[in-house]
C-alpha cells in the first residue's frame, strides 16, 4: 500500500469517526435540550399553579380580615415570596452548574478532537514534503552513480 493510499484510507477512517462522533454529539445535545425543555415546562406549570393558589388564598383572607390582619398578611406574603425566590434561584443555580459542567466536558472533548485534527493535518502536510525530498535524493544518487560509472 502506498503512502497516498494509506493517507487516503486514514482520511476516510478519520472522516467516518468524526461523523460518528458528531452524530452522537448532536443526538446527546438534542436529548439534553428536550430534557431541559421538559423540566422547565414542568417548573413553569408548578410555579404558575402555586402562585395562582397563593393569590386565591390571599384574596380570600384579605376580604375576610380587617386592616390589622391585612398588614400581618402582607408581611407574611413578603417573607413567603422571598423564600420562593430563594428556592427558585437555588434551583436555577443548580441547573446552571450542571449545564456548565456538561458544556465544559463537551468543550474539552472538542479541544481534544481539534488537537487530533491538527496532528493529522500536520502529518498529511509532512508526507508529500518527505516524498519530494526522497525523490530529490534518489535523483541525486542516480546522478552520482552515473558520474561514478
C-alpha atoms as a PDB file:
ATOM      1  CA  UNK A   1       0.000   0.000   0.000  1.00  0.00           C
ATOM      2  CA  UNK A   2       1.490   3.360  -0.960  1.00  0.00           C
ATOM      3  CA  UNK A   3       1.681   6.343   1.284  1.00  0.00           C
ATOM      4  CA  UNK A   4      -1.083   8.095  -0.662  1.00  0.00           C
ATOM      5  CA  UNK A   5      -3.374   5.107  -0.340  1.00  0.00           C
ATOM      6  CA  UNK A   6      -2.544   4.843   3.336  1.00  0.00           C
ATOM      7  CA  UNK A   7      -3.170   8.545   3.790  1.00  0.00           C
ATOM      8  CA  UNK A   8      -6.455   8.329   1.901  1.00  0.00           C
ATOM      9  CA  UNK A   9      -7.636   5.361   3.944  1.00  0.00           C
ATOM     10  CA  UNK A  10      -6.659   7.156   7.161  1.00  0.00           C
ATOM     11  CA  UNK A  11      -8.515  10.264   5.996  1.00  0.00           C
ATOM     12  CA  UNK A  12     -11.642   8.241   5.168  1.00  0.00           C
ATOM     13  CA  UNK A  13     -11.446   6.435   8.510  1.00  0.00           C
ATOM     14  CA  UNK A  14     -11.000   9.688  10.414  1.00  0.00           C
ATOM     15  CA  UNK A  15     -13.851  11.317   8.489  1.00  0.00           C
ATOM     16  CA  UNK A  16     -16.092   8.396   9.438  1.00  0.00           C
ATOM     17  CA  UNK A  17     -15.061   8.610  13.082  1.00  0.00           C
ATOM     18  CA  UNK A  18     -15.637  12.374  13.166  1.00  0.00           C
ATOM     19  CA  UNK A  19     -19.030  11.943  11.509  1.00  0.00           C
ATOM     20  CA  UNK A  20     -19.993   9.301  14.072  1.00  0.00           C
ATOM     21  CA  UNK A  21     -18.741  11.479  16.914  1.00  0.00           C
ATOM     22  CA  UNK A  22     -20.617  14.487  15.557  1.00  0.00           C
ATOM     23  CA  UNK A  23     -23.815  12.449  15.199  1.00  0.00           C
ATOM     24  CA  UNK A  24     -23.521  11.215  18.791  1.00  0.00           C
ATOM     25  CA  UNK A  25     -22.822  14.730  19.985  1.00  0.00           C
ATOM     26  CA  UNK A  26     -25.835  16.099  18.085  1.00  0.00           C
ATOM     27  CA  UNK A  27     -28.057  13.327  19.424  1.00  0.00           C
ATOM     28  CA  UNK A  28     -26.943  13.846  23.026  1.00  0.00           C
ATOM     29  CA  UNK A  29     -27.309  17.598  22.687  1.00  0.00           C
ATOM     30  CA  UNK A  30     -30.841  17.186  21.300  1.00  0.00           C
ATOM     31  CA  UNK A  31     -31.746  14.780  24.107  1.00  0.00           C
ATOM     32  CA  UNK A  32     -30.330  17.160  26.694  1.00  0.00           C
ATOM     33  CA  UNK A  33     -32.265  20.038  25.149  1.00  0.00           C
ATOM     34  CA  UNK A  34     -35.501  18.044  25.287  1.00  0.00           C
ATOM     35  CA  UNK A  35     -34.906  17.142  28.937  1.00  0.00           C
ATOM     36  CA  UNK A  36     -34.223  20.778  29.818  1.00  0.00           C
ATOM     37  CA  UNK A  37     -37.367  21.885  27.968  1.00  0.00           C
ATOM     38  CA  UNK A  38     -39.434  19.281  29.806  1.00  0.00           C
ATOM     39  CA  UNK A  39     -38.013  20.253  33.183  1.00  0.00           C
ATOM     40  CA  UNK A  40     -38.557  23.954  32.569  1.00  0.00           C
ATOM     41  CA  UNK A  41     -42.112  23.346  31.310  1.00  0.00           C
ATOM     42  CA  UNK A  42     -42.896  21.352  34.458  1.00  0.00           C
ATOM     43  CA  UNK A  43     -41.353  24.010  36.657  1.00  0.00           C
ATOM     44  CA  UNK A  44     -43.360  26.758  34.926  1.00  0.00           C
ATOM     45  CA  UNK A  45     -46.620  24.885  35.390  1.00  0.00           C
ATOM     46  CA  UNK A  46     -45.916  24.201  39.064  1.00  0.00           C
ATOM     47  CA  UNK A  47     -44.879  27.788  39.734  1.00  0.00           C
ATOM     48  CA  UNK A  48     -47.940  29.140  37.925  1.00  0.00           C
ATOM     49  CA  UNK A  49     -50.190  26.803  39.881  1.00  0.00           C
ATOM     50  CA  UNK A  50     -48.558  27.690  43.208  1.00  0.00           C
ATOM     51  CA  UNK A  51     -48.736  31.403  42.514  1.00  0.00           C
ATOM     52  CA  UNK A  52     -52.385  31.105  41.438  1.00  0.00           C
ATOM     53  CA  UNK A  53     -53.251  29.133  44.578  1.00  0.00           C
ATOM     54  CA  UNK A  54     -51.465  31.625  46.806  1.00  0.00           C
ATOM     55  CA  UNK A  55     -53.170  34.561  45.118  1.00  0.00           C
ATOM     56  CA  UNK A  56     -56.592  32.990  45.635  1.00  0.00           C
ATOM     57  CA  UNK A  57     -55.901  32.293  49.332  1.00  0.00           C
ATOM     58  CA  UNK A  58     -54.560  35.769  49.973  1.00  0.00           C
ATOM     59  CA  UNK A  59     -57.522  37.422  48.196  1.00  0.00           C
ATOM     60  CA  UNK A  60     -59.976  35.418  50.310  1.00  0.00           C
ATOM     61  CA  UNK A  61     -58.195  36.259  53.578  1.00  0.00           C
ATOM     62  CA  UNK A  62     -57.900  39.939  52.688  1.00  0.00           C
ATOM     63  CA  UNK A  63     -61.651  40.071  52.065  1.00  0.00           C
ATOM     64  CA  UNK A  64     -62.386  38.392  55.436  1.00  0.00           C
ATOM     65  CA  UNK A  65     -59.965  40.289  57.665  1.00  0.00           C
ATOM     66  CA  UNK A  66     -59.709  43.840  58.952  1.00  0.00           C
ATOM     67  CA  UNK A  67     -56.889  46.371  58.431  1.00  0.00           C
ATOM     68  CA  UNK A  68     -54.552  44.882  61.103  1.00  0.00           C
ATOM     69  CA  UNK A  69     -54.848  41.364  59.707  1.00  0.00           C
ATOM     70  CA  UNK A  70     -54.180  42.753  56.229  1.00  0.00           C
ATOM     71  CA  UNK A  71     -50.867  44.248  57.419  1.00  0.00           C
ATOM     72  CA  UNK A  72     -49.920  40.964  59.050  1.00  0.00           C
ATOM     73  CA  UNK A  73     -50.672  39.003  55.859  1.00  0.00           C
ATOM     74  CA  UNK A  74     -48.707  41.471  53.777  1.00  0.00           C
ATOM     75  CA  UNK A  75     -45.629  40.761  55.920  1.00  0.00           C
ATOM     76  CA  UNK A  76     -46.092  37.005  55.581  1.00  0.00           C
ATOM     77  CA  UNK A  77     -46.603  37.296  51.835  1.00  0.00           C
ATOM     78  CA  UNK A  78     -43.330  39.156  51.514  1.00  0.00           C
ATOM     79  CA  UNK A  79     -41.472  36.542  53.580  1.00  0.00           C
ATOM     80  CA  UNK A  80     -43.041  33.715  51.580  1.00  0.00           C
ATOM     81  CA  UNK A  81     -42.142  35.349  48.273  1.00  0.00           C
ATOM     82  CA  UNK A  82     -38.574  35.788  49.447  1.00  0.00           C
ATOM     83  CA  UNK A  83     -38.436  32.108  50.363  1.00  0.00           C
ATOM     84  CA  UNK A  84     -39.860  31.107  46.968  1.00  0.00           C
ATOM     85  CA  UNK A  85     -37.473  33.444  45.214  1.00  0.00           C
ATOM     86  CA  UNK A  86     -34.531  31.957  47.104  1.00  0.00           C
ATOM     87  CA  UNK A  87     -35.728  28.445  46.298  1.00  0.00           C
ATOM     88  CA  UNK A  88     -36.140  29.270  42.621  1.00  0.00           C
ATOM     89  CA  UNK A  89     -32.731  30.911  42.470  1.00  0.00           C
ATOM     90  CA  UNK A  90     -31.138  27.881  44.121  1.00  0.00           C
ATOM     91  CA  UNK A  91     -32.762  25.586  41.568  1.00  0.00           C
ATOM     92  CA  UNK A  92     -31.707  27.817  38.695  1.00  0.00           C
ATOM     93  CA  UNK A  93     -28.152  27.864  40.063  1.00  0.00           C
ATOM     94  CA  UNK A  94     -28.157  24.076  40.287  1.00  0.00           C
ATOM     95  CA  UNK A  95     -29.334  23.706  36.700  1.00  0.00           C
ATOM     96  CA  UNK A  96     -26.791  26.301  35.564  1.00  0.00           C
ATOM     97  CA  UNK A  97     -23.938  24.492  37.319  1.00  0.00           C
ATOM     98  CA  UNK A  98     -24.913  21.167  35.767  1.00  0.00           C
ATOM     99  CA  UNK A  99     -25.207  22.783  32.364  1.00  0.00           C
ATOM    100  CA  UNK A 100     -21.826  24.472  32.739  1.00  0.00           C
ATOM    101  CA  UNK A 101     -20.183  21.176  33.703  1.00  0.00           C
ATOM    102  CA  UNK A 102     -21.791  19.432  30.771  1.00  0.00           C
ATOM    103  CA  UNK A 103     -20.671  22.067  28.285  1.00  0.00           C
ATOM    104  CA  UNK A 104     -17.189  22.143  29.813  1.00  0.00           C
ATOM    105  CA  UNK A 105     -16.891  18.401  29.180  1.00  0.00           C
ATOM    106  CA  UNK A 106     -18.131  18.852  25.629  1.00  0.00           C
ATOM    107  CA  UNK A 107     -15.710  21.716  25.080  1.00  0.00           C
ATOM    108  CA  UNK A 108     -12.835  19.602  26.413  1.00  0.00           C
ATOM    109  CA  UNK A 109     -13.756  16.778  24.039  1.00  0.00           C
ATOM    110  CA  UNK A 110     -13.905  19.206  21.120  1.00  0.00           C
ATOM    111  CA  UNK A 111     -10.490  20.605  22.055  1.00  0.00           C
ATOM    112  CA  UNK A 112      -9.052  17.082  22.004  1.00  0.00           C
ATOM    113  CA  UNK A 113     -10.650  16.427  18.625  1.00  0.00           C
ATOM    114  CA  UNK A 114      -9.232  19.676  17.255  1.00  0.00           C
ATOM    115  CA  UNK A 115      -5.771  18.734  18.524  1.00  0.00           C
ATOM    116  CA  UNK A 116      -6.071  15.354  16.827  1.00  0.00           C
ATOM    117  CA  UNK A 117      -7.175  17.017  13.593  1.00  0.00           C
ATOM    118  CA  UNK A 118      -4.225  19.415  13.731  1.00  0.00           C
ATOM    119  CA  UNK A 119      -1.862  16.468  14.192  1.00  0.00           C
ATOM    120  CA  UNK A 120      -3.418  14.591  11.287  1.00  0.00           C
ATOM    121  CA  UNK A 121      -3.267  17.673   9.066  1.00  0.00           C
ATOM    122  CA  UNK A 122       0.357  18.249  10.016  1.00  0.00           C
ATOM    123  CA  UNK A 123       1.125  14.617   9.170  1.00  0.00           C
ATOM    124  CA  UNK A 124      -0.735  14.978   5.891  1.00  0.00           C
ATOM    125  CA  UNK A 125       1.318  18.071   5.028  1.00  0.00           C
ATOM    126  CA  UNK A 126       4.585  16.379   6.022  1.00  0.00           C
ATOM    127  CA  UNK A 127       4.181  13.227   3.915  1.00  0.00           C
ATOM    128  CA  UNK A 128       4.228  14.953   0.471  1.00  0.00           C
ATOM    129  CA  UNK A 129       7.227  17.004   1.576  1.00  0.00           C
ATOM    130  CA  UNK A 130       9.094  13.855   2.585  1.00  0.00           C
ATOM    131  CA  UNK A 131       8.149  12.182  -0.706  1.00  0.00           C
ATOM    132  CA  UNK A 132       9.608  15.119  -2.652  1.00  0.00           C
ATOM    133  CA  UNK A 133      12.781  15.032  -0.569  1.00  0.00           C
ATOM    134  CA  UNK A 134      13.166  11.277  -1.138  1.00  0.00           C
ATOM    135  CA  UNK A 135      12.571  11.715  -4.863  1.00  0.00           C
ATOM    136  CA  UNK A 136      15.131  14.500  -4.982  1.00  0.00           C
ATOM    137  CA  UNK A 137      17.671  12.390  -3.086  1.00  0.00           C
ATOM    138  CA  UNK A 138      17.041   9.446  -5.431  1.00  0.00           C
ATOM    139  CA  UNK A 139      17.723  11.700  -8.404  1.00  0.00           C
ATOM    140  CA  UNK A 140      20.941  12.929  -6.850  1.00  0.00           C
ATOM    141  CA  UNK A 141      22.033   9.374  -6.074  1.00  0.00           C
ATOM    142  CA  UNK A 142      21.262   8.377  -9.658  1.00  0.00           C
ATOM    143  CA  UNK A 143      23.335  11.320 -10.930  1.00  0.00           C
ATOM    144  CA  UNK A 144      26.239  10.394  -8.666  1.00  0.00           C
ATOM    145  CA  UNK A 145      26.035   6.744  -9.761  1.00  0.00           C
ATOM    146  CA  UNK A 146      26.124   7.875 -13.399  1.00  0.00           C
ATOM    147  CA  UNK A 147      29.180  10.001 -12.739  1.00  0.00           C
ATOM    148  CA  UNK A 148      30.909   7.154 -10.961  1.00  0.00           C
ATOM    149  CA  UNK A 149      30.137   4.619 -13.731  1.00  0.00           C
END
